[in-house]
C-alpha atoms as a PDB file:
ATOM      1  CA  MET A   1     127.964-103.275  75.539  1.00  0.00           C
ATOM      2  CA  THR A   2     129.261-105.629  72.671  1.00  0.00           C
ATOM      3  CA  ARG A   3     131.810-104.532  70.385  1.00  0.00           C
ATOM      4  CA  PHE A   4     129.164-104.172  67.697  1.00  0.00           C
ATOM      5  CA  THR A   5     127.059-101.694  69.885  1.00  0.00           C
ATOM      6  CA  HIS A   6     130.476-100.393  71.277  1.00  0.00           C
ATOM      7  CA  GLY A   7     131.552 -99.553  67.365  1.00  0.00           C
ATOM      8  CA  LEU A   8     128.132 -97.597  66.998  1.00  0.00           C
ATOM      9  CA  ALA A   9     128.028 -95.955  69.710  1.00  0.00           C
ATOM     10  CA  LEU A  10     131.730 -94.505  68.321  1.00  0.00           C
ATOM     11  CA  VAL A  11     129.984 -93.488  65.131  1.00  0.00           C
ATOM     12  CA  TRP A  12     127.422 -91.958  66.930  1.00  0.00           C
ATOM     13  CA  GLY A  13     129.311 -89.728  69.536  1.00  0.00           C
ATOM     14  CA  LEU A  14     131.283 -88.819  66.507  1.00  0.00           C
ATOM     15  CA  THR A  15     128.418 -87.908  64.635  1.00  0.00           C
ATOM     16  CA  CYS A  16     126.987 -85.946  67.283  1.00  0.00           C
ATOM     17  CA  ALA A  17     130.678 -84.223  67.209  1.00  0.00           C
ATOM     18  CA  LEU A  18     130.543 -83.567  63.936  1.00  0.00           C
ATOM     19  CA  THR A  19     127.059 -81.485  63.916  1.00  0.00           C
ATOM     20  CA  ILE A  20     128.312 -79.755  66.618  1.00  0.00           C
ATOM     21  CA  ALA A  21     131.536 -78.582  64.813  1.00  0.00           C
ATOM     22  CA  SER A  22     129.287 -77.673  61.658  1.00  0.00           C
ATOM     23  CA  VAL A  23     126.969 -75.369  64.340  1.00  0.00           C
ATOM     24  CA  GLY A  24     130.826 -74.154  65.928  1.00  0.00           C
ATOM     25  CA  PHE A  25     132.106 -72.672  62.533  1.00  0.00           C
ATOM     26  CA  VAL A  26     128.987 -70.809  61.684  1.00  0.00           C
ATOM     27  CA  GLU A  27     128.073 -69.675  65.409  1.00  0.00           C
ATOM     28  CA  SER A  28     131.395 -68.327  65.908  1.00  0.00           C
ATOM     29  CA  GLY A  29     131.539 -65.900  63.182  1.00  0.00           C
ATOM     30  CA  TRP A  30     132.554 -68.033  60.015  1.00  0.00           C
ATOM     31  CA  ARG A  31     130.803 -66.586  57.591  1.00  0.00           C
ATOM     32  CA  GLY A  32     129.836 -66.762  53.448  1.00  0.00           C
ATOM     33  CA  GLU A  33     131.904 -69.638  50.748  1.00  0.00           C
ATOM     34  CA  LEU A  34     134.215 -71.490  53.401  1.00  0.00           C
ATOM     35  CA  ALA A  35     131.751 -71.643  56.288  1.00  0.00           C
ATOM     36  CA  SER A  36     129.037 -73.553  53.659  1.00  0.00           C
ATOM     37  CA  ILE A  37     131.956 -75.662  52.200  1.00  0.00           C
ATOM     38  CA  VAL A  38     133.190 -77.172  55.596  1.00  0.00           C
ATOM     39  CA  VAL A  39     129.496 -77.083  56.362  1.00  0.00           C
ATOM     40  CA  VAL A  40     128.408 -79.424  53.877  1.00  0.00           C
ATOM     41  CA  LEU A  41     132.333 -81.388  54.000  1.00  0.00           C
ATOM     42  CA  LEU A  42     131.105 -81.751  57.821  1.00  0.00           C
ATOM     43  CA  ALA A  43     127.954 -82.951  56.727  1.00  0.00           C
ATOM     44  CA  ALA A  44     129.413 -85.698  53.987  1.00  0.00           C
ATOM     45  CA  ALA A  45     131.538 -86.930  56.271  1.00  0.00           C
ATOM     46  CA  LYS A  46     128.201 -87.470  58.590  1.00  0.00           C
ATOM     47  CA  SER A  47     126.468 -89.320  55.753  1.00  0.00           C
ATOM     48  CA  ARG A  48     129.579 -91.657  54.602  1.00  0.00           C
ATOM     49  CA  LEU A  49     129.561 -92.642  58.569  1.00  0.00           C
ATOM     50  CA  VAL A  50     125.936 -93.577  58.447  1.00  0.00           C
ATOM     51  CA  ILE A  51     125.778 -95.306  55.455  1.00  0.00           C
ATOM     52  CA  VAL A  52     128.921 -97.223  56.527  1.00  0.00           C
ATOM     53  CA  HIS A  53     127.764 -98.244  59.485  1.00  0.00           C
ATOM     54  CA  TYR A  54     123.840 -97.789  60.186  1.00  0.00           C
ATOM     55  CA  MET A  55     123.328 -99.198  56.581  1.00  0.00           C
ATOM     56  CA  GLU A  56     126.473-101.362  57.043  1.00  0.00           C
ATOM     57  CA  ALA A  57     127.387-100.715  53.282  1.00  0.00           C
ATOM     58  CA  ARG A  58     130.953-101.882  54.660  1.00  0.00           C
ATOM     59  CA  ARG A  59     129.854-105.401  54.175  1.00  0.00           C
ATOM     60  CA  ALA A  60     128.225-104.667  50.515  1.00  0.00           C
ATOM     61  CA  ALA A  61     129.666-106.035  47.215  1.00  0.00           C
ATOM     62  CA  ARG A  62     132.237-104.075  46.406  1.00  0.00           C
ATOM     63  CA  HIS A  63     130.396-102.428  43.242  1.00  0.00           C
ATOM     64  CA  TRP A  64     127.492-101.490  45.827  1.00  0.00           C
ATOM     65  CA  ARG A  65     130.103 -99.894  48.635  1.00  0.00           C
ATOM     66  CA  MET A  66     131.424 -97.694  45.182  1.00  0.00           C
ATOM     67  CA  LEU A  67     128.295 -96.664  44.280  1.00  0.00           C
ATOM     68  CA  TYR A  68     127.143 -95.095  48.304  1.00  0.00           C
ATOM     69  CA  GLU A  69     130.542 -93.658  48.289  1.00  0.00           C
ATOM     70  CA  GLY A  70     130.480 -91.912  44.442  1.00  0.00           C
ATOM     71  CA  TRP A  71     127.140 -90.894  45.539  1.00  0.00           C
ATOM     72  CA  ASN A  72     128.680 -89.141  48.660  1.00  0.00           C
ATOM     73  CA  VAL A  73     130.957 -87.662  47.186  1.00  0.00           C
ATOM     74  CA  VAL A  74     128.710 -86.827  44.142  1.00  0.00           C
ATOM     75  CA  ALA A  75     126.427 -85.155  46.137  1.00  0.00           C
ATOM     76  CA  ALA A  76     128.816 -83.180  48.054  1.00  0.00           C
ATOM     77  CA  GLY A  77     130.503 -81.809  45.039  1.00  0.00           C
ATOM     78  CA  ALA A  78     127.066 -80.778  43.285  1.00  0.00           C
ATOM     79  CA  ILE A  79     125.950 -78.666  46.378  1.00  0.00           C
ATOM     80  CA  ILE A  80     129.729 -76.672  46.795  1.00  0.00           C
ATOM     81  CA  ALA A  81     129.543 -76.112  43.343  1.00  0.00           C
ATOM     82  CA  GLY A  82     126.044 -74.748  43.952  1.00  0.00           C
ATOM     83  CA  LEU A  83     126.870 -72.624  46.721  1.00  0.00           C
ATOM     84  CA  LEU A  84     130.612 -71.388  44.530  1.00  0.00           C
ATOM     85  CA  VAL A  85     128.436 -70.736  41.624  1.00  0.00           C
ATOM     86  CA  GLY A  86     125.878 -68.791  42.680  1.00  0.00           C
ATOM     87  CA  ALA A  87     127.982 -66.983  45.486  1.00  0.00           C
ATOM     88  CA  ARG A  88     129.695 -65.884  41.444  1.00  0.00           C
ATOM     89  CA  GLY A  89     127.031 -64.979  39.597  1.00  0.00           C
END
């Protein structure tokens, strides 16, 4: 295995581990807002891994990389804000 494919295999393994952790949080009895927030944060981490490593954003120009990173933060923040507002209303 080359260094490049070895790195991608590690990223793939990490995304699988994050997916299993998400399921584990929900299935282990975590309920409500906290479980939802944890799952959204884990999903944001997975999307960042995919964008940076598989879509090769780490090699993109700085302004594109910041756009991708910003999109990930804003999307996760909007979902979490919606969860919190929805839970209160």
